[in-house]
Amino acid sequence: MSVLRSGCFSPKGKLVLTRPLAPTVPIGGWFSRVFINLFVSLILTCFAGDRFCFAETASHSIVSGKVESLEPAPVRVKGATLVFTKADGRVTEATTDQKGEYSLLIDPESRYTVTVKVRHNCWVHRPSFKLTAGARLNLDFTVVFCPYADGEPPPGTVLQHCPPTGMSYREDRVPLGGDASDYLIVAFGNCHVENGTVIYKPLAIATYPDAVLPVTISFDAYTIKADFVELKKAERVLKVTGRVTITDGRNAPSRTASCVSLKLIGPHPRIVQCE
C-alpha cells in the first residue's frame, strides 16, 4: 500500500513532504503512483517563503520584505531583527537572511506594530496594521547609523514642539484621532516650526554627501517618501512635496507624484492630489 503525503516546495524547487495525507490502494505502475503523489502535493502547495504550505497560509497572513542600510549606499542587512508586537502585547520575531530578506506568518485580523533593530543603527518603527486571512504584505525598511547608545531615537511630540535641532534620524508620531494606537509615523532628519506648521526635512548623511534618507511617512500598509513634509496642525493635513513615492505594501505597484496631501480625519488618512 502506498501513502500520499501533503507537502510544499522550498524556494530551490525541492519538494518537502510533510505528513501523510491518506493511504491508497496499490496503483498499477510506478509512474502512476509518483504522478498522483506530485499532483496532490502541488494542490496543497503555495510559494511564499521557505516552507509555507496551504494549510498554514489559509489561516495566517504573510509579511515579507527586506532591510537595507543607507551608509554609504543601500546595502542589504543580514541578521536584522524585526519585532512584530501584537495589540495584546505578544511578540513574534523575524531575522533577515543572507540576502537581507525576511518572511513571517502572523495572525490575521490582529493589529501589529513593527520595530527593526540593527546593531549600531537607529531603531525603525512602523505603526499598526492589520491583514485578512491569507493576505500578503511587503514591508521594506532602511536603517542608518545611530548616535544614541540604545538605538532608540528621542521621541518627538509634534503637538507640543519640534524635536531638538540637529541632523540625525528621528521619528514623530502624529495622532489620527480616536484610539491611542491610531497614529502615523514621520521619519526625518531635521525639522523646524514656521507659523504653526511643522516642516520635516530629509536626513543627509554627513560622511556620505550623496546618501540621503527621504522624509518617510508610514501608516497601515502605506509608505510615502518625499523631499519635504509639512504638518498643518490646525487643518489636520500633511502636505507632501518634491519627489513623492507612494507604495501600498499589499502588492500594488508604487506611484509617483510631485505633491499630495493626507487628510488626517479618523484612523484612515486619505491621500489626495494637491489642489
Protein backbone atom coordinates (compact mmCIF):
# COMPACT_ATOMS: atom_id res chain seq x y z
CA MET A 1 0.00 0.00 0.00
CA SER A 2 1.35 3.44 -0.89
CA VAL A 3 0.86 6.60 1.16
CA LEU A 4 0.10 10.04 -0.23
CA ARG A 5 1.79 12.93 1.62
CA SER A 6 0.99 16.62 1.60
CA GLY A 7 3.94 18.97 1.22
CA CYS A 8 5.37 22.09 -0.30
CA PHE A 9 8.26 23.26 -2.43
CA SER A 10 11.18 25.20 -1.00
CA PRO A 11 12.44 28.23 -2.99
CA LYS A 12 15.06 25.95 -4.56
CA GLY A 13 12.34 23.79 -6.02
CA LYS A 14 12.86 20.85 -3.67
CA LEU A 15 9.67 19.02 -2.75
CA VAL A 16 9.33 18.76 1.02
CA LEU A 17 6.94 16.01 2.13
CA THR A 18 5.47 16.92 5.49
CA ARG A 19 2.82 14.47 6.62
CA PRO A 20 0.74 11.52 5.36
CA LEU A 21 -2.46 12.59 3.64
CA ALA A 22 -4.24 9.29 3.14
CA PRO A 23 -3.40 5.67 2.36
CA THR A 24 -4.18 4.42 -1.11
CA VAL A 25 -4.53 1.07 -2.68
CA PRO A 26 -1.73 -0.04 -4.98
CA ILE A 27 -1.93 1.63 -8.39
CA GLY A 28 -0.59 -0.04 -11.44
CA GLY A 29 2.79 1.24 -12.42
CA TRP A 30 5.46 3.26 -10.65
CA PHE A 31 4.78 6.29 -12.83
CA SER A 32 1.10 6.45 -11.83
CA ARG A 33 1.91 6.42 -8.11
CA VAL A 34 4.53 9.17 -8.47
CA PHE A 35 2.22 11.30 -10.61
CA ILE A 36 -0.63 11.16 -8.07
CA ASN A 37 1.73 12.00 -5.19
CA LEU A 38 3.07 15.02 -7.04
CA PHE A 39 -0.41 16.16 -8.09
CA VAL A 40 -1.75 16.12 -4.54
CA SER A 41 1.37 17.89 -3.25
CA LEU A 42 1.06 20.61 -5.86
CA ILE A 43 -2.57 21.28 -4.88
CA LEU A 44 -1.55 21.72 -1.24
CA THR A 45 1.44 23.91 -2.08
CA CYS A 46 1.86 27.68 -2.14
CA PHE A 47 5.05 29.57 -2.89
CA ALA A 48 5.79 32.05 -0.11
CA GLY A 49 8.95 31.92 1.99
CA ASP A 50 10.85 28.75 2.71
CA ARG A 51 8.13 26.32 3.77
CA PHE A 52 4.69 27.94 3.83
CA CYS A 53 2.02 25.41 2.92
CA PHE A 54 -1.64 25.77 2.08
CA ALA A 55 -2.93 24.72 5.49
CA GLU A 56 -0.75 27.37 7.18
CA THR A 57 -1.34 30.32 4.86
CA ALA A 58 -5.08 29.71 4.76
CA SER A 59 -5.30 30.53 8.48
CA HIS A 60 -2.46 33.10 8.65
CA SER A 61 -1.20 36.21 6.89
CA ILE A 62 2.30 36.68 5.45
CA VAL A 63 4.58 39.69 5.91
CA SER A 64 7.85 39.78 3.98
CA GLY A 65 10.41 42.27 2.70
CA LYS A 66 14.00 43.42 3.07
CA VAL A 67 16.15 45.58 5.35
CA GLU A 68 18.81 47.90 3.91
CA SER A 69 21.43 50.19 5.40
CA LEU A 70 21.90 53.57 3.73
CA GLU A 71 25.55 54.15 4.56
CA PRO A 72 27.26 54.77 2.23
CA ALA A 73 24.75 53.35 -0.27
CA PRO A 74 21.79 50.97 0.08
CA VAL A 75 23.19 47.63 1.24
CA ARG A 76 21.18 44.61 2.34
CA VAL A 77 21.50 43.88 6.07
CA LYS A 78 21.98 40.30 7.26
CA GLY A 79 20.84 39.42 10.78
CA ALA A 80 18.47 42.37 11.33
CA THR A 81 15.82 41.66 13.97
CA LEU A 82 12.20 42.58 13.23
CA VAL A 83 9.91 42.59 16.26
CA PHE A 84 6.19 42.28 15.48
CA THR A 85 4.16 43.25 18.54
CA LYS A 86 0.50 42.30 18.67
CA ALA A 87 -2.10 44.58 20.26
CA ASP A 88 -2.27 42.25 23.27
CA GLY A 89 1.49 42.57 23.83
CA ARG A 90 2.54 39.21 22.40
CA VAL A 91 5.69 39.36 20.30
CA THR A 92 6.80 37.48 17.18
CA GLU A 93 10.29 38.00 15.74
CA ALA A 94 11.90 37.52 12.34
CA THR A 95 15.56 37.74 11.30
CA THR A 96 16.84 38.71 7.87
CA ASP A 97 18.78 36.08 5.95
CA GLN A 98 21.99 36.33 3.92
CA LYS A 99 20.14 38.40 1.32
CA GLY A 100 18.75 40.79 3.91
CA GLU A 101 15.25 39.39 3.42
CA TYR A 102 12.67 38.11 5.90
CA SER A 103 9.29 36.37 5.82
CA LEU A 104 6.88 35.76 8.68
CA LEU A 105 3.48 34.22 9.34
CA ILE A 106 1.22 36.36 11.56
CA ASP A 107 -2.33 36.06 12.88
CA PRO A 108 -4.98 37.60 10.63
CA GLU A 109 -7.43 40.24 11.84
CA SER A 110 -4.95 41.32 14.54
CA ARG A 111 -3.13 44.64 14.73
CA TYR A 112 0.69 44.61 14.77
CA THR A 113 3.37 47.26 15.15
CA VAL A 114 6.95 46.68 13.95
CA THR A 115 10.35 47.61 15.39
CA VAL A 116 13.51 46.96 13.32
CA LYS A 117 16.74 46.55 15.30
CA VAL A 118 20.20 46.54 13.74
CA ARG A 119 23.38 46.90 15.79
CA HIS A 120 24.82 50.44 15.73
CA ASN A 121 21.77 51.68 13.82
CA CYS A 122 18.73 53.63 14.97
CA TRP A 123 15.67 51.53 15.56
CA VAL A 124 12.98 51.97 12.92
CA HIS A 125 9.32 51.78 13.91
CA ARG A 126 6.16 51.21 11.97
CA PRO A 127 2.62 51.91 13.25
CA SER A 128 -0.09 49.28 13.45
CA PHE A 129 -1.53 47.39 10.51
CA LYS A 130 -3.98 44.52 10.13
CA LEU A 131 -4.33 41.82 7.45
CA THR A 132 -7.09 39.42 6.47
CA ALA A 133 -6.55 35.66 6.42
CA GLY A 134 -4.27 34.58 3.57
CA ALA A 135 -3.27 38.16 2.73
CA ARG A 136 0.32 39.12 1.90
CA LEU A 137 2.09 42.35 2.79
CA ASN A 138 5.51 43.62 1.70
CA LEU A 139 7.29 45.96 4.12
CA ASP A 140 10.82 47.19 3.35
CA PHE A 141 12.95 49.12 5.83
CA THR A 142 16.03 51.36 5.65
CA VAL A 143 18.26 51.88 8.68
CA VAL A 144 21.03 54.41 9.35
CA PHE A 145 23.84 54.79 11.88
CA CYS A 146 22.54 55.91 15.26
CA PRO A 147 24.33 58.30 17.65
CA TYR A 148 22.14 57.13 20.55
CA ALA A 149 23.53 54.42 22.81
CA ASP A 150 20.44 52.22 22.91
CA GLY A 151 19.41 52.66 19.28
CA GLU A 152 16.16 54.44 20.14
CA PRO A 153 15.73 57.91 18.61
CA PRO A 154 14.47 60.60 21.00
CA PRO A 155 10.66 60.80 20.95
CA GLY A 156 9.05 63.80 19.33
CA THR A 157 5.63 65.17 20.22
CA VAL A 158 4.58 67.31 17.29
CA LEU A 159 1.56 68.74 19.09
CA GLN A 160 3.95 70.48 21.50
CA HIS A 161 7.24 71.17 19.76
CA CYS A 162 9.68 70.17 17.07
CA PRO A 163 12.32 67.77 18.47
CA PRO A 164 15.77 69.16 19.34
CA THR A 165 17.72 70.70 16.49
CA GLY A 166 20.42 68.73 14.76
CA MET A 167 20.71 66.30 11.89
CA SER A 168 20.02 62.72 12.94
CA TYR A 169 17.38 60.06 12.39
CA ARG A 170 14.20 60.84 14.30
CA GLU A 171 10.55 59.88 14.27
CA ASP A 172 7.37 61.70 15.19
CA ARG A 173 4.02 60.11 15.92
CA VAL A 174 1.11 62.10 14.53
CA PRO A 175 -2.19 61.15 16.22
CA LEU A 176 -5.06 60.29 13.90
CA GLY A 177 -7.80 60.61 16.49
CA GLY A 178 -9.85 58.02 18.29
CA ASP A 179 -7.84 55.20 19.86
CA ALA A 180 -4.33 55.93 21.17
CA SER A 181 -2.95 53.28 18.80
CA ASP A 182 -4.21 55.25 15.80
CA TYR A 183 -1.25 57.29 14.59
CA LEU A 184 1.14 57.57 11.68
CA ILE A 185 4.91 57.94 11.87
CA VAL A 186 7.01 60.59 10.14
CA ALA A 187 10.72 59.70 9.97
CA PHE A 188 13.04 62.59 9.17
CA GLY A 189 16.47 64.15 9.67
CA ASN A 190 15.66 67.73 10.65
CA CYS A 191 12.64 69.96 11.19
CA HIS A 192 11.52 73.41 12.22
CA VAL A 193 8.27 75.17 13.05
CA GLU A 194 7.07 78.07 10.93
CA ASN A 195 3.79 79.88 11.64
CA GLY A 196 2.36 76.85 13.39
CA THR A 197 3.40 74.43 10.63
CA VAL A 198 5.97 71.71 11.31
CA ILE A 199 8.29 71.28 8.31
CA TYR A 200 10.16 67.96 8.10
CA LYS A 201 13.34 67.59 6.04
CA PRO A 202 15.33 64.56 4.78
CA LEU A 203 18.28 63.05 6.61
CA ALA A 204 21.59 63.85 4.90
CA ILE A 205 24.46 61.59 5.93
CA ALA A 206 27.36 63.90 6.79
CA THR A 207 30.12 61.43 5.90
CA TYR A 208 28.45 60.44 2.61
CA PRO A 209 27.22 63.54 0.73
CA ASP A 210 25.28 61.50 -1.84
CA ALA A 211 23.39 59.46 0.76
CA VAL A 212 20.03 60.99 1.69
CA LEU A 213 17.13 59.34 3.50
CA PRO A 214 13.85 60.91 2.32
CA VAL A 215 11.20 62.01 4.76
CA THR A 216 9.15 58.84 5.24
CA ILE A 217 5.52 58.54 6.31
CA SER A 218 4.17 55.14 7.33
CA PHE A 219 0.66 54.05 8.23
CA ASP A 220 -1.31 50.86 7.71
CA ALA A 221 0.14 49.23 4.55
CA TYR A 222 1.30 52.55 3.06
CA THR A 223 4.80 54.03 2.86
CA ILE A 224 5.22 57.52 1.42
CA LYS A 225 8.67 59.02 0.73
CA ALA A 226 9.29 62.62 -0.23
CA ASP A 227 11.69 65.57 -0.13
CA PHE A 228 9.57 67.63 2.28
CA VAL A 229 6.55 67.13 4.51
CA GLU A 230 4.55 69.89 6.18
CA LEU A 231 2.22 69.23 9.09
CA LYS A 232 -0.52 71.84 9.23
CA LYS A 233 -1.75 71.17 12.74
CA ALA A 234 -4.76 73.48 12.68
CA GLU A 235 -6.06 71.98 9.43
CA ARG A 236 -5.10 68.38 10.32
CA VAL A 237 -3.32 68.00 6.97
CA LEU A 238 0.08 66.64 5.92
CA LYS A 239 1.34 68.22 2.70
CA VAL A 240 3.91 66.03 0.93
CA THR A 241 6.05 67.63 -1.79
CA GLY A 242 9.08 67.05 -4.01
CA ARG A 243 9.89 63.61 -5.37
CA VAL A 244 6.97 61.71 -3.87
CA THR A 245 6.70 57.92 -3.99
CA ILE A 246 3.59 56.17 -2.66
CA THR A 247 3.76 52.43 -2.00
CA ASP A 248 0.91 50.19 -0.92
CA GLY A 249 2.54 47.09 0.58
CA ARG A 250 -0.36 44.89 -0.49
CA ASN A 251 1.49 44.20 -3.75
CA ALA A 252 0.10 47.21 -5.59
CA PRO A 253 2.67 48.99 -7.82
CA SER A 254 4.24 52.19 -6.47
CA ARG A 255 3.20 55.51 -7.94
CA THR A 256 4.89 58.88 -8.07
CA ALA A 257 3.71 62.45 -7.73
CA SER A 258 5.05 65.94 -7.11
CA CYS A 259 2.56 66.84 -4.38
CA VAL A 260 -0.09 65.02 -2.36
CA SER A 261 -1.98 65.77 0.85
CA LEU A 262 -3.04 63.45 3.64
CA LYS A 263 -6.31 64.36 5.33
CA LEU A 264 -5.86 63.31 8.96
CA ILE A 265 -9.51 62.56 9.60
CA GLY A 266 -10.17 59.37 11.55
CA PRO A 267 -7.91 56.31 11.70
CA HIS A 268 -7.52 56.05 7.91
CA PRO A 269 -5.82 59.07 6.27
CA ARG A 270 -6.99 59.96 2.78
CA ILE A 271 -4.36 60.56 0.12
CA VAL A 272 -5.41 63.24 -2.40
CA GLN A 273 -3.64 65.24 -5.11
CA CYS A 274 -2.71 68.79 -4.15
CA GLU A 275 -5.05 71.42 -5.50
